[in-house]
């Protein structure tokens, strides 16, 4: 996988996981504060789209993952 694909995979997984943990109707509900994590992931995606820089992608490249730009 390319670095941009991994970033999207992790972001999508985090959003779905935090929604499952933060919505009261979910069988794995923990606390509503998990929804703040969803907002955090969304804010980071927005920031990376506007600045064209993503910390996770930079770290993945340092670990040798191909860019795929």
PDB file of N, CA and C in Angstrom:
ATOM      1  N   UNK A   1       0.833  -1.187   0.000  1.00  0.00           N
ATOM      2  CA  UNK A   1       0.000   0.000   0.000  1.00  0.00           C
ATOM      3  C   UNK A   1       0.876   1.248   0.000  1.00  0.00           C
ATOM      4  N   UNK A   2       0.381   2.275  -0.614  1.00  0.00           N
ATOM      5  CA  UNK A   2       1.056   3.574  -0.642  1.00  0.00           C
ATOM      6  C   UNK A   2       0.708   4.341   0.637  1.00  0.00           C
ATOM      7  N   UNK A   3       1.515   5.362   0.959  1.00  0.00           N
ATOM      8  CA  UNK A   3       1.302   6.102   2.204  1.00  0.00           C
ATOM      9  C   UNK A   3      -0.065   6.781   2.239  1.00  0.00           C
ATOM     10  N   UNK A   4      -0.509   7.344   1.123  1.00  0.00           N
ATOM     11  CA  UNK A   4      -1.809   8.022   1.115  1.00  0.00           C
ATOM     12  C   UNK A   4      -2.952   7.038   1.341  1.00  0.00           C
ATOM     13  N   UNK A   5      -2.789   5.800   0.892  1.00  0.00           N
ATOM     14  CA  UNK A   5      -3.819   4.793   1.111  1.00  0.00           C
ATOM     15  C   UNK A   5      -3.884   4.389   2.588  1.00  0.00           C
ATOM     16  N   UNK A   6      -2.728   4.277   3.215  1.00  0.00           N
ATOM     17  CA  UNK A   6      -2.685   3.916   4.630  1.00  0.00           C
ATOM     18  C   UNK A   6      -3.304   5.020   5.480  1.00  0.00           C
ATOM     19  N   UNK A   7      -3.021   6.279   5.146  1.00  0.00           N
ATOM     20  CA  UNK A   7      -3.600   7.406   5.890  1.00  0.00           C
ATOM     21  C   UNK A   7      -5.120   7.349   5.821  1.00  0.00           C
ATOM     22  N   UNK A   8      -5.664   7.121   4.645  1.00  0.00           N
ATOM     23  CA  UNK A   8      -7.117   7.062   4.494  1.00  0.00           C
ATOM     24  C   UNK A   8      -7.707   5.846   5.208  1.00  0.00           C
ATOM     25  N   UNK A   9      -7.013   4.720   5.165  1.00  0.00           N
ATOM     26  CA  UNK A   9      -7.470   3.513   5.855  1.00  0.00           C
ATOM     27  C   UNK A   9      -7.524   3.745   7.361  1.00  0.00           C
ATOM     28  N   UNK A  10      -6.474   4.320   7.917  1.00  0.00           N
ATOM     29  CA  UNK A  10      -6.417   4.570   9.357  1.00  0.00           C
ATOM     30  C   UNK A  10      -7.465   5.607   9.759  1.00  0.00           C
ATOM     31  N   UNK A  11      -7.601   6.676   8.991  1.00  0.00           N
ATOM     32  CA  UNK A  11      -8.591   7.707   9.312  1.00  0.00           C
ATOM     33  C   UNK A  11     -10.012   7.142   9.290  1.00  0.00           C
ATOM     34  N   UNK A  12     -10.319   6.369   8.272  1.00  0.00           N
ATOM     35  CA  UNK A  12     -11.648   5.758   8.194  1.00  0.00           C
ATOM     36  C   UNK A  12     -11.916   4.794   9.329  1.00  0.00           C
ATOM     37  N   UNK A  13     -10.901   4.014   9.685  1.00  0.00           N
ATOM     38  CA  UNK A  13     -11.034   3.077  10.802  1.00  0.00           C
ATOM     39  C   UNK A  13     -11.260   3.823  12.111  1.00  0.00           C
ATOM     40  N   UNK A  14     -10.487   4.903  12.335  1.00  0.00           N
ATOM     41  CA  UNK A  14     -10.641   5.694  13.556  1.00  0.00           C
ATOM     42  C   UNK A  14     -12.026   6.332  13.645  1.00  0.00           C
ATOM     43  N   UNK A  15     -12.533   6.842  12.529  1.00  0.00           N
ATOM     44  CA  UNK A  15     -13.854   7.467  12.541  1.00  0.00           C
ATOM     45  C   UNK A  15     -14.923   6.433  12.880  1.00  0.00           C
ATOM     46  N   UNK A  16     -14.890   5.294  12.217  1.00  0.00           N
ATOM     47  CA  UNK A  16     -15.902   4.265  12.487  1.00  0.00           C
ATOM     48  C   UNK A  16     -15.801   3.732  13.917  1.00  0.00           C
ATOM     49  N   UNK A  17     -14.572   3.534  14.407  1.00  0.00           N
ATOM     50  CA  UNK A  17     -14.367   3.037  15.769  1.00  0.00           C
ATOM     51  C   UNK A  17     -14.887   4.049  16.791  1.00  0.00           C
ATOM     52  N   UNK A  18     -14.554   5.330  16.614  1.00  0.00           N
ATOM     53  CA  UNK A  18     -14.984   6.332  17.587  1.00  0.00           C
ATOM     54  C   UNK A  18     -16.495   6.552  17.541  1.00  0.00           C
ATOM     55  N   UNK A  19     -17.101   6.411  16.372  1.00  0.00           N
ATOM     56  CA  UNK A  19     -18.558   6.492  16.298  1.00  0.00           C
ATOM     57  C   UNK A  19     -19.207   5.319  17.027  1.00  0.00           C
ATOM     58  N   UNK A  20     -18.655   4.135  16.840  1.00  0.00           N
ATOM     59  CA  UNK A  20     -19.198   2.957  17.534  1.00  0.00           C
ATOM     60  C   UNK A  20     -19.082   3.108  19.049  1.00  0.00           C
ATOM     61  N   UNK A  21     -17.995   3.709  19.521  1.00  0.00           N
ATOM     62  CA  UNK A  21     -17.792   3.872  20.955  1.00  0.00           C
ATOM     63  C   UNK A  21     -18.540   5.072  21.524  1.00  0.00           C
ATOM     64  N   UNK A  22     -18.968   6.026  20.674  1.00  0.00           N
ATOM     65  CA  UNK A  22     -19.561   7.256  21.165  1.00  0.00           C
ATOM     66  C   UNK A  22     -21.055   7.421  20.972  1.00  0.00           C
ATOM     67  N   UNK A  23     -21.683   6.544  20.184  1.00  0.00           N
ATOM     68  CA  UNK A  23     -23.121   6.659  19.950  1.00  0.00           C
ATOM     69  C   UNK A  23     -23.861   5.708  20.876  1.00  0.00           C
ATOM     70  N   UNK A  24     -24.844   6.242  21.601  1.00  0.00           N
ATOM     71  CA  UNK A  24     -25.506   5.469  22.650  1.00  0.00           C
ATOM     72  C   UNK A  24     -26.196   4.203  22.165  1.00  0.00           C
ATOM     73  N   UNK A  25     -26.675   4.162  20.951  1.00  0.00           N
ATOM     74  CA  UNK A  25     -27.356   2.973  20.451  1.00  0.00           C
ATOM     75  C   UNK A  25     -26.423   1.842  20.077  1.00  0.00           C
ATOM     76  N   UNK A  26     -25.134   2.095  20.083  1.00  0.00           N
ATOM     77  CA  UNK A  26     -24.148   1.096  19.681  1.00  0.00           C
ATOM     78  C   UNK A  26     -23.981   0.034  20.767  1.00  0.00           C
ATOM     79  N   UNK A  27     -23.779  -1.224  20.357  1.00  0.00           N
ATOM     80  CA  UNK A  27     -23.564  -2.285  21.357  1.00  0.00           C
ATOM     81  C   UNK A  27     -22.226  -2.161  22.091  1.00  0.00           C
ATOM     82  N   UNK A  28     -21.309  -1.377  21.577  1.00  0.00           N
ATOM     83  CA  UNK A  28     -20.008  -1.199  22.234  1.00  0.00           C
ATOM     84  C   UNK A  28     -19.857   0.218  22.787  1.00  0.00           C
ATOM     85  N   UNK A  29     -20.984   0.894  23.043  1.00  0.00           N
ATOM     86  CA  UNK A  29     -20.961   2.262  23.554  1.00  0.00           C
ATOM     87  C   UNK A  29     -20.170   2.348  24.850  1.00  0.00           C
ATOM     88  N   UNK A  30     -19.324   3.380  24.939  1.00  0.00           N
ATOM     89  CA  UNK A  30     -18.545   3.629  26.147  1.00  0.00           C
ATOM     90  C   UNK A  30     -18.918   4.981  26.740  1.00  0.00           C
ATOM     91  N   UNK A  31     -18.772   6.045  25.920  1.00  0.00           N
ATOM     92  CA  UNK A  31     -18.975   7.398  26.409  1.00  0.00           C
ATOM     93  C   UNK A  31     -19.145   8.323  25.197  1.00  0.00           C
ATOM     94  N   UNK A  32     -19.942   9.392  25.377  1.00  0.00           N
ATOM     95  CA  UNK A  32     -20.159  10.336  24.284  1.00  0.00           C
ATOM     96  C   UNK A  32     -18.888  11.072  23.891  1.00  0.00           C
ATOM     97  N   UNK A  33     -17.906  11.148  24.788  1.00  0.00           N
ATOM     98  CA  UNK A  33     -16.676  11.875  24.506  1.00  0.00           C
ATOM     99  C   UNK A  33     -15.862  11.243  23.381  1.00  0.00           C
ATOM    100  N   UNK A  34     -16.170  10.010  23.012  1.00  0.00           N
ATOM    101  CA  UNK A  34     -15.487   9.410  21.858  1.00  0.00           C
ATOM    102  C   UNK A  34     -15.800  10.161  20.572  1.00  0.00           C
ATOM    103  N   UNK A  35     -16.915  10.879  20.558  1.00  0.00           N
ATOM    104  CA  UNK A  35     -17.262  11.670  19.376  1.00  0.00           C
ATOM    105  C   UNK A  35     -16.283  12.822  19.175  1.00  0.00           C
ATOM    106  N   UNK A  36     -15.630  13.265  20.238  1.00  0.00           N
ATOM    107  CA  UNK A  36     -14.606  14.294  20.115  1.00  0.00           C
ATOM    108  C   UNK A  36     -13.427  13.767  19.296  1.00  0.00           C
ATOM    109  N   UNK A  37     -13.147  12.478  19.413  1.00  0.00           N
ATOM    110  CA  UNK A  37     -12.082  11.868  18.620  1.00  0.00           C
ATOM    111  C   UNK A  37     -12.444  11.890  17.141  1.00  0.00           C
ATOM    112  N   UNK A  38     -13.723  11.671  16.835  1.00  0.00           N
ATOM    113  CA  UNK A  38     -14.195  11.764  15.451  1.00  0.00           C
ATOM    114  C   UNK A  38     -13.949  13.174  14.914  1.00  0.00           C
ATOM    115  N   UNK A  39     -14.257  14.182  15.724  1.00  0.00           N
ATOM    116  CA  UNK A  39     -14.028  15.569  15.318  1.00  0.00           C
ATOM    117  C   UNK A  39     -12.538  15.845  15.126  1.00  0.00           C
ATOM    118  N   UNK A  40     -11.698  15.287  15.974  1.00  0.00           N
ATOM    119  CA  UNK A  40     -10.255  15.456  15.862  1.00  0.00           C
ATOM    120  C   UNK A  40      -9.737  14.883  14.543  1.00  0.00           C
ATOM    121  N   UNK A  41     -10.189  13.692  14.190  1.00  0.00           N
ATOM    122  CA  UNK A  41      -9.768  13.069  12.932  1.00  0.00           C
ATOM    123  C   UNK A  41     -10.238  13.920  11.753  1.00  0.00           C
ATOM    124  N   UNK A  42     -11.481  14.384  11.806  1.00  0.00           N
ATOM    125  CA  UNK A  42     -12.002  15.228  10.738  1.00  0.00           C
ATOM    126  C   UNK A  42     -11.224  16.524  10.602  1.00  0.00           C
ATOM    127  N   UNK A  43     -10.872  17.128  11.731  1.00  0.00           N
ATOM    128  CA  UNK A  43     -10.095  18.376  11.703  1.00  0.00           C
ATOM    129  C   UNK A  43      -8.711  18.140  11.097  1.00  0.00           C
ATOM    130  N   UNK A  44      -8.094  17.009  11.403  1.00  0.00           N
ATOM    131  CA  UNK A  44      -6.791  16.694  10.828  1.00  0.00           C
ATOM    132  C   UNK A  44      -6.888  16.446   9.326  1.00  0.00           C
ATOM    133  N   UNK A  45      -7.950  15.808   8.875  1.00  0.00           N
ATOM    134  CA  UNK A  45      -8.139  15.606   7.440  1.00  0.00           C
ATOM    135  C   UNK A  45      -8.341  16.942   6.728  1.00  0.00           C
ATOM    136  N   UNK A  46      -9.112  17.822   7.350  1.00  0.00           N
ATOM    137  CA  UNK A  46      -9.323  19.148   6.782  1.00  0.00           C
ATOM    138  C   UNK A  46      -8.012  19.932   6.714  1.00  0.00           C
ATOM    139  N   UNK A  47      -7.250  19.895   7.795  1.00  0.00           N
ATOM    140  CA  UNK A  47      -5.963  20.594   7.838  1.00  0.00           C
ATOM    141  C   UNK A  47      -5.023  20.066   6.764  1.00  0.00           C
ATOM    142  N   UNK A  48      -4.970  18.755   6.592  1.00  0.00           N
ATOM    143  CA  UNK A  48      -4.051  18.195   5.597  1.00  0.00           C
ATOM    144  C   UNK A  48      -4.487  18.537   4.171  1.00  0.00           C
ATOM    145  N   UNK A  49      -5.786  18.667   3.951  1.00  0.00           N
ATOM    146  CA  UNK A  49      -6.267  19.056   2.626  1.00  0.00           C
ATOM    147  C   UNK A  49      -5.917  20.510   2.311  1.00  0.00           C
ATOM    148  N   UNK A  50      -5.980  21.364   3.318  1.00  0.00           N
ATOM    149  CA  UNK A  50      -5.720  22.787   3.096  1.00  0.00           C
ATOM    150  C   UNK A  50      -4.230  23.116   3.024  1.00  0.00           C
ATOM    151  N   UNK A  51      -3.421  22.398   3.804  1.00  0.00           N
ATOM    152  CA  UNK A  51      -1.988  22.707   3.856  1.00  0.00           C
ATOM    153  C   UNK A  51      -1.146  21.774   2.998  1.00  0.00           C
ATOM    154  N   UNK A  52      -1.755  20.686   2.510  1.00  0.00           N
ATOM    155  CA  UNK A  52      -1.055  19.663   1.728  1.00  0.00           C
ATOM    156  C   UNK A  52       0.097  19.028   2.529  1.00  0.00           C
ATOM    157  N   UNK A  53      -0.080  18.948   3.871  1.00  0.00           N
ATOM    158  CA  UNK A  53       0.908  18.311   4.739  1.00  0.00           C
ATOM    159  C   UNK A  53       0.174  17.455   5.760  1.00  0.00           C
ATOM    160  N   UNK A  54       0.655  16.234   5.942  1.00  0.00           N
ATOM    161  CA  UNK A  54       0.059  15.307   6.895  1.00  0.00           C
ATOM    162  C   UNK A  54       1.175  14.647   7.687  1.00  0.00           C
ATOM    163  N   UNK A  55       1.139  14.781   9.010  1.00  0.00           N
ATOM    164  CA  UNK A  55       2.183  14.219   9.864  1.00  0.00           C
ATOM    165  C   UNK A  55       2.279  12.707   9.703  1.00  0.00           C
ATOM    166  N   UNK A  56       1.153  12.030   9.653  1.00  0.00           N
ATOM    167  CA  UNK A  56       1.182  10.570   9.534  1.00  0.00           C
ATOM    168  C   UNK A  56       1.838  10.133   8.228  1.00  0.00           C
ATOM    169  N   UNK A  57       1.544  10.831   7.156  1.00  0.00           N
ATOM    170  CA  UNK A  57       2.155  10.485   5.870  1.00  0.00           C
ATOM    171  C   UNK A  57       3.664  10.726   5.903  1.00  0.00           C
ATOM    172  N   UNK A  58       4.080  11.792   6.553  1.00  0.00           N
ATOM    173  CA  UNK A  58       5.508  12.072   6.706  1.00  0.00           C
ATOM    174  C   UNK A  58       6.190  10.961   7.496  1.00  0.00           C
ATOM    175  N   UNK A  59       5.558  10.525   8.577  1.00  0.00           N
ATOM    176  CA  UNK A  59       6.129   9.440   9.389  1.00  0.00           C
ATOM    177  C   UNK A  59       6.181   8.122   8.614  1.00  0.00           C
ATOM    178  N   UNK A  60       5.134   7.841   7.853  1.00  0.00           N
ATOM    179  CA  UNK A  60       5.115   6.606   7.066  1.00  0.00           C
ATOM    180  C   UNK A  60       6.241   6.600   6.039  1.00  0.00           C
ATOM    181  N   UNK A  61       6.492   7.738   5.417  1.00  0.00           N
ATOM    182  CA  UNK A  61       7.579   7.815   4.438  1.00  0.00           C
ATOM    183  C   UNK A  61       8.927   7.589   5.102  1.00  0.00           C
ATOM    184  N   UNK A  62       9.107   8.097   6.334  1.00  0.00           N
ATOM    185  CA  UNK A  62      10.362   7.881   7.065  1.00  0.00           C
ATOM    186  C   UNK A  62      10.558   6.400   7.398  1.00  0.00           C
ATOM    187  N   UNK A  63       9.452   5.667   7.541  1.00  0.00           N
ATOM    188  CA  UNK A  63       9.521   4.221   7.784  1.00  0.00           C
ATOM    189  C   UNK A  63       9.648   3.423   6.503  1.00  0.00           C
ATOM    190  N   UNK A  64       9.738   4.126   5.362  1.00  0.00           N
ATOM    191  CA  UNK A  64      10.007   3.450   4.106  1.00  0.00           C
ATOM    192  C   UNK A  64       8.788   3.119   3.257  1.00  0.00           C
ATOM    193  N   UNK A  65       7.612   3.608   3.648  1.00  0.00           N
ATOM    194  CA  UNK A  65       6.424   3.351   2.845  1.00  0.00           C
ATOM    195  C   UNK A  65       6.453   4.260   1.628  1.00  0.00           C
ATOM    196  N   UNK A  66       6.132   3.707   0.472  1.00  0.00           N
ATOM    197  CA  UNK A  66       6.162   4.469  -0.780  1.00  0.00           C
ATOM    198  C   UNK A  66       5.096   5.547  -0.810  1.00  0.00           C
ATOM    199  N   UNK A  67       5.450   6.695  -1.356  1.00  0.00           N
ATOM    200  CA  UNK A  67       4.553   7.847  -1.410  1.00  0.00           C
ATOM    201  C   UNK A  67       3.363   7.603  -2.341  1.00  0.00           C
ATOM    202  N   UNK A  68       3.617   7.273  -3.574  1.00  0.00           N
ATOM    203  CA  UNK A  68       2.553   7.075  -4.548  1.00  0.00           C
ATOM    204  C   UNK A  68       1.970   8.382  -5.052  1.00  0.00           C
ATOM    205  N   UNK A  69       2.706   9.453  -4.929  1.00  0.00           N
ATOM    206  CA  UNK A  69       2.233  10.793  -5.346  1.00  0.00           C
ATOM    207  C   UNK A  69       2.061  10.858  -6.847  1.00  0.00           C
TER     208      UNK A  69
END
